[in-house]
N, C-alpha and C. Protein backbone atom coordinates (compact mmCIF):
# COMPACT_ATOMS: atom_id res chain seq x y z
N MET A 1 0.83 -1.19 0.00
CA MET A 1 0.00 0.00 0.00
C MET A 1 0.87 1.24 0.00
N GLN A 2 2.02 1.17 0.68
CA GLN A 2 2.92 2.31 0.73
C GLN A 2 3.41 2.68 -0.66
N ASN A 3 3.80 1.67 -1.46
CA ASN A 3 4.23 1.93 -2.83
C ASN A 3 3.10 2.54 -3.64
N MET A 4 1.89 2.07 -3.43
CA MET A 4 0.74 2.57 -4.15
C MET A 4 0.52 4.04 -3.82
N MET A 5 0.65 4.41 -2.57
CA MET A 5 0.45 5.81 -2.17
C MET A 5 1.51 6.69 -2.82
N HIS A 6 2.76 6.23 -2.83
CA HIS A 6 3.83 7.00 -3.46
C HIS A 6 3.54 7.18 -4.94
N CYS A 7 3.13 6.13 -5.60
CA CYS A 7 2.82 6.16 -7.03
C CYS A 7 1.63 7.07 -7.28
N ALA A 8 0.63 6.99 -6.45
CA ALA A 8 -0.58 7.77 -6.64
C ALA A 8 -0.34 9.26 -6.43
N ARG A 9 0.52 9.63 -5.51
CA ARG A 9 0.79 11.04 -5.27
C ARG A 9 1.34 11.73 -6.51
N ARG A 10 2.02 10.95 -7.35
CA ARG A 10 2.59 11.54 -8.56
C ARG A 10 1.54 11.88 -9.59
N ILE A 11 0.36 11.33 -9.48
CA ILE A 11 -0.66 11.54 -10.51
C ILE A 11 -1.53 12.75 -10.17
N ASN A 12 -2.48 12.60 -9.27
CA ASN A 12 -3.31 13.73 -8.86
C ASN A 12 -4.23 13.33 -7.73
N ASN A 13 -5.02 14.26 -7.28
CA ASN A 13 -5.91 14.00 -6.14
C ASN A 13 -6.99 12.98 -6.47
N THR A 14 -7.39 12.90 -7.73
CA THR A 14 -8.40 11.92 -8.12
C THR A 14 -7.93 10.51 -7.79
N THR A 15 -6.68 10.22 -8.10
CA THR A 15 -6.14 8.89 -7.83
C THR A 15 -6.11 8.62 -6.33
N LEU A 16 -5.79 9.63 -5.55
CA LEU A 16 -5.80 9.45 -4.10
C LEU A 16 -7.21 9.12 -3.61
N LYS A 17 -8.22 9.74 -4.20
CA LYS A 17 -9.60 9.43 -3.84
C LYS A 17 -9.94 7.99 -4.18
N ILE A 18 -9.42 7.49 -5.29
CA ILE A 18 -9.68 6.11 -5.70
C ILE A 18 -9.12 5.15 -4.65
N ILE A 19 -7.93 5.42 -4.17
CA ILE A 19 -7.31 4.55 -3.17
C ILE A 19 -8.15 4.56 -1.89
N LYS A 20 -8.66 5.71 -1.53
CA LYS A 20 -9.49 5.79 -0.32
C LYS A 20 -10.78 4.99 -0.49
N MET A 21 -11.20 4.73 -1.74
CA MET A 21 -12.41 3.96 -2.00
C MET A 21 -12.15 2.46 -1.84
N ASN A 22 -10.91 2.08 -1.57
CA ASN A 22 -10.54 0.68 -1.35
C ASN A 22 -10.81 -0.21 -2.56
N LEU A 23 -10.45 0.24 -3.72
CA LEU A 23 -10.54 -0.61 -4.90
C LEU A 23 -9.53 -1.74 -4.75
N PRO A 24 -9.81 -2.90 -5.32
CA PRO A 24 -8.97 -4.08 -5.09
C PRO A 24 -7.72 -4.14 -5.97
N TYR A 25 -7.04 -3.03 -6.15
CA TYR A 25 -5.89 -3.00 -7.05
C TYR A 25 -4.61 -2.72 -6.28
N THR A 26 -3.56 -3.43 -6.70
CA THR A 26 -2.23 -3.22 -6.15
C THR A 26 -1.26 -3.08 -7.31
N LEU A 27 -0.02 -2.78 -7.01
CA LEU A 27 0.98 -2.75 -8.07
C LEU A 27 1.04 -4.13 -8.73
N ILE A 28 1.20 -4.14 -10.03
CA ILE A 28 1.21 -5.40 -10.77
C ILE A 28 2.55 -6.09 -10.57
N LYS A 29 2.48 -7.36 -10.16
CA LYS A 29 3.70 -8.12 -9.90
C LYS A 29 3.84 -9.35 -10.80
N THR A 30 2.72 -9.79 -11.40
CA THR A 30 2.77 -11.00 -12.23
C THR A 30 2.10 -10.75 -13.57
N LYS A 31 2.42 -11.60 -14.53
CA LYS A 31 1.81 -11.52 -15.85
C LYS A 31 0.31 -11.83 -15.76
N THR A 32 -0.08 -12.72 -14.88
CA THR A 32 -1.49 -13.06 -14.69
C THR A 32 -2.27 -11.84 -14.19
N GLN A 33 -1.70 -11.14 -13.23
CA GLN A 33 -2.32 -9.94 -12.69
C GLN A 33 -2.40 -8.87 -13.78
N TYR A 34 -1.34 -8.72 -14.57
CA TYR A 34 -1.31 -7.78 -15.68
C TYR A 34 -2.44 -8.07 -16.66
N ASN A 35 -2.58 -9.34 -17.05
CA ASN A 35 -3.64 -9.72 -17.99
C ASN A 35 -5.03 -9.46 -17.41
N ALA A 36 -5.20 -9.73 -16.12
CA ALA A 36 -6.49 -9.50 -15.47
C ALA A 36 -6.83 -8.01 -15.48
N TYR A 37 -5.85 -7.16 -15.19
CA TYR A 37 -6.09 -5.71 -15.19
C TYR A 37 -6.40 -5.22 -16.61
N CYS A 38 -5.71 -5.78 -17.60
CA CYS A 38 -5.98 -5.40 -19.00
C CYS A 38 -7.41 -5.79 -19.39
N LYS A 39 -7.84 -6.96 -18.97
CA LYS A 39 -9.22 -7.38 -19.27
C LYS A 39 -10.22 -6.46 -18.58
N ARG A 40 -9.92 -6.05 -17.36
CA ARG A 40 -10.82 -5.14 -16.63
C ARG A 40 -10.90 -3.81 -17.35
N VAL A 41 -9.79 -3.32 -17.88
CA VAL A 41 -9.79 -2.07 -18.64
C VAL A 41 -10.71 -2.22 -19.85
N GLU A 42 -10.61 -3.34 -20.52
CA GLU A 42 -11.45 -3.56 -21.70
C GLU A 42 -12.94 -3.52 -21.32
N VAL A 43 -13.30 -4.16 -20.22
CA VAL A 43 -14.68 -4.15 -19.75
C VAL A 43 -15.13 -2.73 -19.45
N LEU A 44 -14.28 -1.99 -18.75
CA LEU A 44 -14.64 -0.62 -18.38
C LEU A 44 -14.75 0.29 -19.60
N LEU A 45 -13.89 0.09 -20.59
CA LEU A 45 -13.94 0.91 -21.80
C LEU A 45 -15.22 0.67 -22.59
N ASP A 46 -15.74 -0.55 -22.51
CA ASP A 46 -16.98 -0.88 -23.24
C ASP A 46 -18.23 -0.44 -22.48
N LYS A 47 -18.07 -0.08 -21.22
CA LYS A 47 -19.20 0.30 -20.37
C LYS A 47 -19.71 1.69 -20.77
N LYS A 48 -20.99 1.76 -21.08
CA LYS A 48 -21.59 3.04 -21.44
C LYS A 48 -22.84 3.23 -20.60
N PRO A 49 -23.11 4.40 -20.11
CA PRO A 49 -22.22 5.55 -20.05
C PRO A 49 -21.19 5.37 -18.94
N GLN A 50 -20.09 6.07 -19.07
CA GLN A 50 -19.04 5.96 -18.06
C GLN A 50 -19.29 6.97 -16.95
N THR A 51 -19.32 6.47 -15.74
CA THR A 51 -19.50 7.34 -14.58
C THR A 51 -18.13 7.88 -14.14
N LYS A 52 -18.15 8.79 -13.21
CA LYS A 52 -16.89 9.33 -12.69
C LYS A 52 -16.09 8.21 -12.01
N ILE A 53 -16.78 7.33 -11.32
CA ILE A 53 -16.09 6.22 -10.64
C ILE A 53 -15.44 5.31 -11.67
N THR A 54 -16.14 5.03 -12.76
CA THR A 54 -15.58 4.19 -13.83
C THR A 54 -14.35 4.86 -14.44
N ARG A 55 -14.44 6.14 -14.71
CA ARG A 55 -13.30 6.87 -15.28
C ARG A 55 -12.11 6.87 -14.32
N ASP A 56 -12.40 7.04 -13.03
CA ASP A 56 -11.33 7.02 -12.03
C ASP A 56 -10.68 5.64 -11.95
N GLU A 57 -11.50 4.60 -12.01
CA GLU A 57 -10.98 3.23 -11.99
C GLU A 57 -10.11 2.98 -13.22
N LEU A 58 -10.57 3.45 -14.39
CA LEU A 58 -9.79 3.33 -15.62
C LEU A 58 -8.45 4.05 -15.50
N GLU A 59 -8.49 5.22 -14.91
CA GLU A 59 -7.26 6.01 -14.75
C GLU A 59 -6.25 5.26 -13.87
N LEU A 60 -6.73 4.69 -12.78
CA LEU A 60 -5.84 3.95 -11.89
C LEU A 60 -5.28 2.70 -12.57
N LEU A 61 -6.15 1.94 -13.22
CA LEU A 61 -5.69 0.73 -13.91
C LEU A 61 -4.69 1.07 -15.01
N THR A 62 -4.95 2.13 -15.74
CA THR A 62 -4.02 2.54 -16.79
C THR A 62 -2.66 2.90 -16.20
N LEU A 63 -2.67 3.60 -15.10
CA LEU A 63 -1.42 3.94 -14.42
C LEU A 63 -0.66 2.68 -14.01
N LEU A 64 -1.36 1.72 -13.42
CA LEU A 64 -0.72 0.49 -12.98
C LEU A 64 -0.19 -0.32 -14.16
N ILE A 65 -0.97 -0.39 -15.24
CA ILE A 65 -0.54 -1.11 -16.44
C ILE A 65 0.68 -0.44 -17.07
N GLU A 66 0.65 0.88 -17.17
CA GLU A 66 1.79 1.60 -17.76
C GLU A 66 3.05 1.42 -16.92
N LYS A 67 2.90 1.44 -15.60
CA LYS A 67 4.06 1.23 -14.73
C LYS A 67 4.65 -0.16 -14.97
N TYR A 68 3.80 -1.18 -15.05
CA TYR A 68 4.27 -2.53 -15.30
C TYR A 68 4.93 -2.62 -16.69
N ASP A 69 4.31 -1.97 -17.68
CA ASP A 69 4.88 -1.97 -19.03
C ASP A 69 6.29 -1.38 -19.03
N GLU A 70 6.45 -0.26 -18.34
CA GLU A 70 7.76 0.39 -18.28
C GLU A 70 8.80 -0.50 -17.60
N GLU A 71 8.43 -1.10 -16.50
CA GLU A 71 9.37 -1.91 -15.74
C GLU A 71 9.70 -3.24 -16.42
N ASN A 72 8.76 -3.77 -17.18
CA ASN A 72 8.95 -5.09 -17.79
C ASN A 72 9.10 -5.04 -19.29
N ASN A 73 9.09 -3.84 -19.85
CA ASN A 73 9.29 -3.66 -21.28
C ASN A 73 8.34 -4.54 -22.10
N THR A 74 7.08 -4.62 -21.67
CA THR A 74 6.12 -5.52 -22.30
C THR A 74 5.75 -5.13 -23.72
N LEU A 75 5.93 -3.86 -24.07
CA LEU A 75 5.56 -3.43 -25.41
C LEU A 75 6.76 -3.31 -26.33
N ALA A 76 7.92 -3.75 -25.88
CA ALA A 76 9.11 -3.65 -26.72
C ALA A 76 8.96 -4.44 -28.01
N GLU A 77 8.31 -5.58 -27.90
CA GLU A 77 8.12 -6.40 -29.08
C GLU A 77 6.67 -6.88 -29.10
N ILE A 78 5.84 -6.15 -29.82
CA ILE A 78 4.42 -6.46 -29.91
C ILE A 78 4.25 -7.84 -30.53
N SER A 79 3.17 -8.49 -30.18
CA SER A 79 2.86 -9.80 -30.73
C SER A 79 2.85 -9.77 -32.25
N ASP A 80 3.00 -10.94 -32.81
CA ASP A 80 2.94 -11.12 -34.25
C ASP A 80 1.63 -10.52 -34.77
N PRO A 81 1.68 -9.70 -35.82
CA PRO A 81 0.47 -9.07 -36.36
C PRO A 81 -0.63 -10.08 -36.71
N VAL A 82 -0.26 -11.25 -37.18
CA VAL A 82 -1.26 -12.26 -37.52
C VAL A 82 -1.96 -12.75 -36.25
N GLU A 83 -1.21 -12.89 -35.16
CA GLU A 83 -1.81 -13.30 -33.90
C GLU A 83 -2.75 -12.22 -33.38
N VAL A 84 -2.36 -10.95 -33.53
CA VAL A 84 -3.24 -9.85 -33.14
C VAL A 84 -4.52 -9.92 -33.97
N LEU A 85 -4.39 -10.13 -35.27
CA LEU A 85 -5.55 -10.23 -36.15
C LEU A 85 -6.45 -11.40 -35.74
N LYS A 86 -5.87 -12.55 -35.47
CA LYS A 86 -6.66 -13.71 -35.04
C LYS A 86 -7.41 -13.42 -33.75
N SER A 87 -6.75 -12.74 -32.83
CA SER A 87 -7.39 -12.39 -31.56
C SER A 87 -8.57 -11.46 -31.79
N LEU A 88 -8.37 -10.47 -32.65
CA LEU A 88 -9.44 -9.52 -32.96
C LEU A 88 -10.61 -10.22 -33.65
N MET A 89 -10.29 -11.12 -34.55
CA MET A 89 -11.33 -11.89 -35.25
C MET A 89 -12.11 -12.75 -34.24
N ASP A 90 -11.39 -13.40 -33.35
CA ASP A 90 -12.02 -14.25 -32.34
C ASP A 90 -12.95 -13.42 -31.46
N GLU A 91 -12.48 -12.26 -31.04
CA GLU A 91 -13.28 -11.37 -30.20
C GLU A 91 -14.55 -10.91 -30.91
N ALA A 92 -14.45 -10.71 -32.23
CA ALA A 92 -15.59 -10.25 -33.02
C ALA A 92 -16.40 -11.42 -33.60
N ASN A 93 -16.05 -12.64 -33.22
CA ASN A 93 -16.70 -13.85 -33.75
C ASN A 93 -16.71 -13.86 -35.28
N MET A 94 -15.57 -13.51 -35.86
CA MET A 94 -15.43 -13.46 -37.33
C MET A 94 -14.74 -14.70 -37.84
N LYS A 95 -15.13 -15.10 -39.01
CA LYS A 95 -14.45 -16.18 -39.72
C LYS A 95 -13.68 -15.55 -40.87
N ALA A 96 -12.83 -16.33 -41.50
CA ALA A 96 -12.02 -15.82 -42.62
C ALA A 96 -12.89 -15.26 -43.73
N VAL A 97 -14.02 -15.91 -43.97
CA VAL A 97 -14.91 -15.44 -45.03
C VAL A 97 -15.49 -14.06 -44.69
N ASP A 98 -15.77 -13.82 -43.41
CA ASP A 98 -16.27 -12.51 -42.98
C ASP A 98 -15.20 -11.45 -43.19
N LEU A 99 -13.97 -11.80 -42.85
CA LEU A 99 -12.87 -10.86 -43.01
C LEU A 99 -12.63 -10.54 -44.49
N ALA A 100 -12.77 -11.54 -45.35
CA ALA A 100 -12.62 -11.32 -46.79
C ALA A 100 -13.62 -10.28 -47.28
N LEU A 101 -14.84 -10.34 -46.78
CA LEU A 101 -15.86 -9.36 -47.17
C LEU A 101 -15.50 -7.96 -46.67
N VAL A 102 -15.03 -7.87 -45.43
CA VAL A 102 -14.64 -6.58 -44.86
C VAL A 102 -13.51 -5.95 -45.67
N LEU A 103 -12.53 -6.78 -46.03
CA LEU A 103 -11.35 -6.28 -46.74
C LEU A 103 -11.55 -6.17 -48.25
N ASN A 104 -12.64 -6.77 -48.73
CA ASN A 104 -12.91 -6.80 -50.16
C ASN A 104 -11.77 -7.49 -50.92
N VAL A 105 -11.37 -8.65 -50.38
CA VAL A 105 -10.34 -9.49 -51.00
C VAL A 105 -10.85 -10.92 -51.04
N SER A 106 -10.11 -11.78 -51.72
CA SER A 106 -10.53 -13.18 -51.83
C SER A 106 -10.34 -13.93 -50.50
N LYS A 107 -11.12 -14.99 -50.34
CA LYS A 107 -10.99 -15.85 -49.15
C LYS A 107 -9.61 -16.50 -49.13
N GLY A 108 -9.07 -16.76 -50.32
CA GLY A 108 -7.74 -17.36 -50.42
C GLY A 108 -6.67 -16.45 -49.87
N LEU A 109 -6.77 -15.15 -50.17
CA LEU A 109 -5.78 -14.20 -49.64
C LEU A 109 -5.87 -14.13 -48.12
N VAL A 110 -7.08 -14.08 -47.60
CA VAL A 110 -7.25 -14.04 -46.14
C VAL A 110 -6.65 -15.30 -45.52
N SER A 111 -6.91 -16.44 -46.13
CA SER A 111 -6.35 -17.70 -45.64
C SER A 111 -4.82 -17.66 -45.65
N ASP A 112 -4.25 -17.15 -46.73
CA ASP A 112 -2.79 -17.04 -46.82
C ASP A 112 -2.22 -16.11 -45.75
N ILE A 113 -2.91 -15.01 -45.48
CA ILE A 113 -2.46 -14.08 -44.44
C ILE A 113 -2.52 -14.76 -43.07
N LEU A 114 -3.64 -15.41 -42.79
CA LEU A 114 -3.82 -16.06 -41.48
C LEU A 114 -2.87 -17.24 -41.26
N ASN A 115 -2.36 -17.81 -42.35
CA ASN A 115 -1.42 -18.92 -42.25
C ASN A 115 0.03 -18.48 -42.51
N ASN A 116 0.26 -17.18 -42.46
CA ASN A 116 1.59 -16.59 -42.64
C ASN A 116 2.24 -16.95 -43.98
N LYS A 117 1.44 -17.18 -44.99
CA LYS A 117 1.98 -17.47 -46.31
C LYS A 117 2.18 -16.18 -47.12
N LYS A 118 1.39 -15.16 -46.79
CA LYS A 118 1.51 -13.85 -47.43
C LYS A 118 1.43 -12.78 -46.37
N GLY A 119 2.13 -11.68 -46.64
CA GLY A 119 2.08 -10.56 -45.73
C GLY A 119 0.88 -9.68 -46.00
N MET A 120 0.68 -8.71 -45.12
CA MET A 120 -0.43 -7.78 -45.27
C MET A 120 0.02 -6.57 -46.08
N SER A 121 -0.73 -6.22 -47.09
CA SER A 121 -0.42 -5.03 -47.88
C SER A 121 -0.80 -3.78 -47.08
N LYS A 122 -0.32 -2.63 -47.52
CA LYS A 122 -0.66 -1.37 -46.85
C LYS A 122 -2.17 -1.16 -46.84
N GLU A 123 -2.81 -1.50 -47.95
CA GLU A 123 -4.26 -1.33 -48.06
C GLU A 123 -4.99 -2.25 -47.08
N VAL A 124 -4.56 -3.49 -46.97
CA VAL A 124 -5.17 -4.43 -46.02
C VAL A 124 -4.96 -3.92 -44.59
N ILE A 125 -3.77 -3.47 -44.28
CA ILE A 125 -3.47 -2.93 -42.95
C ILE A 125 -4.37 -1.74 -42.64
N ARG A 126 -4.53 -0.85 -43.59
CA ARG A 126 -5.37 0.33 -43.40
C ARG A 126 -6.82 -0.09 -43.11
N LYS A 127 -7.32 -1.03 -43.90
CA LYS A 127 -8.71 -1.49 -43.71
C LYS A 127 -8.89 -2.21 -42.38
N LEU A 128 -7.92 -3.02 -41.99
CA LEU A 128 -8.00 -3.73 -40.71
C LEU A 128 -8.04 -2.73 -39.54
N ALA A 129 -7.14 -1.76 -39.59
CA ALA A 129 -7.08 -0.77 -38.52
C ALA A 129 -8.39 0.02 -38.44
N GLN A 130 -8.92 0.36 -39.59
CA GLN A 130 -10.17 1.11 -39.62
C GLN A 130 -11.33 0.25 -39.09
N TYR A 131 -11.40 -0.99 -39.52
CA TYR A 131 -12.50 -1.86 -39.11
C TYR A 131 -12.45 -2.17 -37.61
N PHE A 132 -11.26 -2.51 -37.10
CA PHE A 132 -11.13 -2.89 -35.69
C PHE A 132 -10.89 -1.70 -34.77
N LYS A 133 -10.77 -0.51 -35.36
CA LYS A 133 -10.61 0.74 -34.61
C LYS A 133 -9.36 0.73 -33.71
N ILE A 134 -8.26 0.25 -34.30
CA ILE A 134 -6.97 0.32 -33.63
C ILE A 134 -5.96 0.87 -34.63
N ARG A 135 -4.80 1.20 -34.17
CA ARG A 135 -3.78 1.80 -35.02
C ARG A 135 -3.15 0.79 -35.97
N GLN A 136 -2.71 1.28 -37.10
CA GLN A 136 -2.10 0.44 -38.13
C GLN A 136 -0.84 -0.25 -37.62
N GLU A 137 -0.19 0.31 -36.64
CA GLU A 137 1.06 -0.23 -36.11
C GLU A 137 0.91 -1.66 -35.60
N PHE A 138 -0.30 -2.05 -35.22
CA PHE A 138 -0.53 -3.40 -34.74
C PHE A 138 -0.36 -4.44 -35.84
N PHE A 139 -0.50 -4.01 -37.08
CA PHE A 139 -0.41 -4.93 -38.20
C PHE A 139 0.86 -4.74 -39.02
N ASN A 140 1.70 -3.79 -38.62
CA ASN A 140 2.92 -3.50 -39.36
C ASN A 140 4.11 -3.53 -38.41
N PRO A 141 4.89 -4.60 -38.41
CA PRO A 141 6.00 -4.73 -37.46
C PRO A 141 7.04 -3.62 -37.58
N HIS A 142 7.19 -3.03 -38.75
CA HIS A 142 8.18 -1.97 -38.93
C HIS A 142 7.78 -0.71 -38.18
N LEU A 143 6.50 -0.42 -38.12
CA LEU A 143 6.03 0.76 -37.41
C LEU A 143 6.02 0.55 -35.92
N GLN A 144 5.91 -0.72 -35.47
CA GLN A 144 5.86 -1.02 -34.04
C GLN A 144 7.14 -0.61 -33.33
N LYS A 145 8.24 -0.63 -34.01
CA LYS A 145 9.53 -0.39 -33.38
C LYS A 145 9.82 1.10 -33.18
N HIS A 146 8.94 1.97 -33.70
CA HIS A 146 9.16 3.42 -33.58
C HIS A 146 9.20 3.81 -32.12
N GLU A 147 10.28 4.36 -31.67
CA GLU A 147 10.51 4.55 -30.23
C GLU A 147 9.61 5.60 -29.58
N ASN A 148 9.06 6.54 -30.33
CA ASN A 148 8.23 7.58 -29.74
C ASN A 148 6.74 7.22 -29.73
N TYR A 149 6.43 5.99 -30.05
CA TYR A 149 5.04 5.58 -30.16
C TYR A 149 4.51 5.17 -28.80
N SER A 150 3.32 5.66 -28.43
CA SER A 150 2.71 5.23 -27.17
C SER A 150 1.33 4.65 -27.45
N TYR A 151 1.02 3.57 -26.76
CA TYR A 151 -0.21 2.84 -26.98
C TYR A 151 -1.27 3.25 -25.98
N THR A 152 -2.53 3.21 -26.41
CA THR A 152 -3.63 3.51 -25.51
C THR A 152 -3.90 2.29 -24.64
N ALA A 153 -4.68 2.48 -23.59
CA ALA A 153 -5.02 1.37 -22.71
C ALA A 153 -5.74 0.26 -23.47
N LYS A 154 -6.65 0.63 -24.37
CA LYS A 154 -7.38 -0.39 -25.14
C LYS A 154 -6.42 -1.15 -26.04
N GLU A 155 -5.45 -0.46 -26.65
CA GLU A 155 -4.48 -1.14 -27.51
C GLU A 155 -3.59 -2.08 -26.70
N LYS A 156 -3.20 -1.65 -25.52
CA LYS A 156 -2.40 -2.52 -24.65
C LYS A 156 -3.20 -3.77 -24.28
N THR A 157 -4.49 -3.59 -24.07
CA THR A 157 -5.34 -4.73 -23.78
C THR A 157 -5.37 -5.70 -24.94
N GLN A 158 -5.45 -5.17 -26.16
CA GLN A 158 -5.45 -6.03 -27.34
C GLN A 158 -4.16 -6.84 -27.41
N VAL A 159 -3.04 -6.22 -27.09
CA VAL A 159 -1.75 -6.93 -27.10
C VAL A 159 -1.77 -8.04 -26.06
N ALA A 160 -2.25 -7.73 -24.86
CA ALA A 160 -2.29 -8.74 -23.79
C ALA A 160 -3.19 -9.90 -24.19
N VAL A 161 -4.34 -9.60 -24.78
CA VAL A 161 -5.25 -10.66 -25.21
C VAL A 161 -4.62 -11.49 -26.30
N ALA A 162 -3.93 -10.85 -27.23
CA ALA A 162 -3.29 -11.57 -28.33
C ALA A 162 -2.18 -12.49 -27.84
N ARG A 163 -1.58 -12.17 -26.72
CA ARG A 163 -0.48 -12.98 -26.19
C ARG A 163 -0.97 -14.18 -25.40
N GLU A 164 -2.26 -14.19 -25.02
CA GLU A 164 -2.79 -15.29 -24.23
C GLU A 164 -2.97 -16.54 -25.07
N PRO A 165 -2.85 -17.70 -24.45
CA PRO A 165 -3.09 -18.94 -25.20
C PRO A 165 -4.54 -19.03 -25.63
N LYS A 166 -4.76 -19.47 -26.86
CA LYS A 166 -6.12 -19.65 -27.39
C LYS A 166 -6.20 -21.03 -28.00
N ALA A 167 -7.08 -21.83 -27.51
CA ALA A 167 -7.22 -23.19 -28.02
C ALA A 167 -7.64 -23.21 -29.49
N LYS A 168 -8.40 -22.21 -29.90
CA LYS A 168 -8.92 -22.19 -31.26
C LYS A 168 -7.83 -22.20 -32.31
N TYR A 169 -6.73 -21.49 -32.04
CA TYR A 169 -5.66 -21.39 -33.03
C TYR A 169 -4.46 -22.26 -32.68
N GLY A 170 -4.35 -22.66 -31.44
CA GLY A 170 -3.37 -23.63 -31.04
C GLY A 170 -1.90 -23.21 -31.07
N LYS A 171 -1.57 -22.05 -31.54
CA LYS A 171 -0.15 -21.66 -31.66
C LYS A 171 0.29 -20.74 -30.55
N ARG A 172 -0.62 -20.15 -29.81
CA ARG A 172 -0.23 -19.19 -28.79
C ARG A 172 0.18 -19.89 -27.52
N ASN A 173 1.25 -19.39 -26.93
CA ASN A 173 1.71 -19.98 -25.66
C ASN A 173 1.88 -18.91 -24.63
């Protein structure tokens, strides 16, 4: 709790109020805890309308996630773009044929992309980012390495979800 108070003082009075509310959050120490906090952020981001308490909780979770990211360099090497795409498709209950319609490309091309036989073109990357409402950098490994790039809490959540094991695709560990 002492570390939390020190960390919270650096942010603002709102965060101090959150701590006084006894929310069940501590500094992140494990990957499991990190993933759980990322999932909670995703739930809170989808919650409409957002109350002041929800916004305060999001602010605290984002602070804790960012601190863990900095200390553990979790965003230094973003997951494989195909794995991110598969995770997004899974979350949206999409099949390859659905994605082909969204991208206006053949089912064969989508299959090749999902099986790492072909890379994603700039146009495909643009359409994916637009459709899933995330930045193009998630689908372009060259842009991911840009050192001045900062990810939003929702984008960090997508990375954490993409890194989790998924039985459906069998390749994630």
